Structures are given as C-alpha cells and as structure tokens.
Amino acid sequence: MSDDNLRKPPGLFDYLESINNHKVDLMVDEAAEKAYDAFMVRRGLGMSKETIFLAARMNELHHLDDYMQYQYLLCSVPKKKRFDKWAKKTPVSDDIKIIARHYQVNMVVASSYRKLMSDEQMEALKELVGGGGADKAIRKKK
C-alpha cells in the first residue's frame, strides 16, 4: 500500500491553519473534503476580529458546498498567525439552577432574578425547593 492511502485526513485545526497562515489547499481528495466541517471552521474564524465578517458572510452563504466555502476563505482571509482563544461555556452556580428550576425560566433570566434576590430570600427558596425527596425521609427518622 502506498502512503497516500494511509494518510489521515486533515482535522479542524489543520483547516484553520491552512486558511489563516499556510494558504495551502488541503482539499486534495474526497476524504479531505468529507473531513471539512464548515460550521466549526466558521466558528473558529468568528473568534477573530479580523475574520469575523468573512465568517458571517459564509454563514449567509451556508448553502454553498464545502469546497466552495473553503476556497473562498482560503483566498479571502489575509495570511497571518492568529492566536485567538475559543469561547468556553461558563459554569452555572447552584443558586441559578435552583431559581431556573423553581420559576421554570432559562439560565439567563434566572441570573437576573438572582441579582434581585437577597441572600435571605435565596436561603428561603433553597429550603422550599429542597423540602422533598430523600432529605425529607432522613429528617423524619431522626
């Protein structure tokens, strides 16, 4: 077998590096084209101030096939090393989860509710919500 048949298809960061810095076309075969994830590439380019508008344009043209999107980005993005941090999901506090569950609202609304509540009100809500289940059975036995 030749080395071409054993070659691993490029990954997400290979494509981003190709678009941003190397300017080498990685879509040389069908396996490489299958490995291209247009959504994640657009998300990666959306992290940089310099490439966010190109990523937004590709979001508008999402119906184009992967090869066309890749070629557009490869030719349009200026060559430069970019060291942008990927956005990470922030942890949600237990207080916010309790509020969201009790009032049946999403985490954003629950966060704004928490800002309006005093610590005493939050403690009362915790007692109200935590009043059932296994804890209640244990308290009865004592």
Foldseek 3Di string as FASTA:
>chain_A
DDVVVVDDADALVVLLCCLAAVLDDRPPDPNNLVRDDLVVNLLVLCQDPQRVVLSVVCVVVVVDRSVVSSVCSSVPHDHDDDDGDRDDDDDQDPLLVLQCVVVVHDSVVSVVVVVVDDPVVSVVSCCVSVVDDPVVVVVVVD
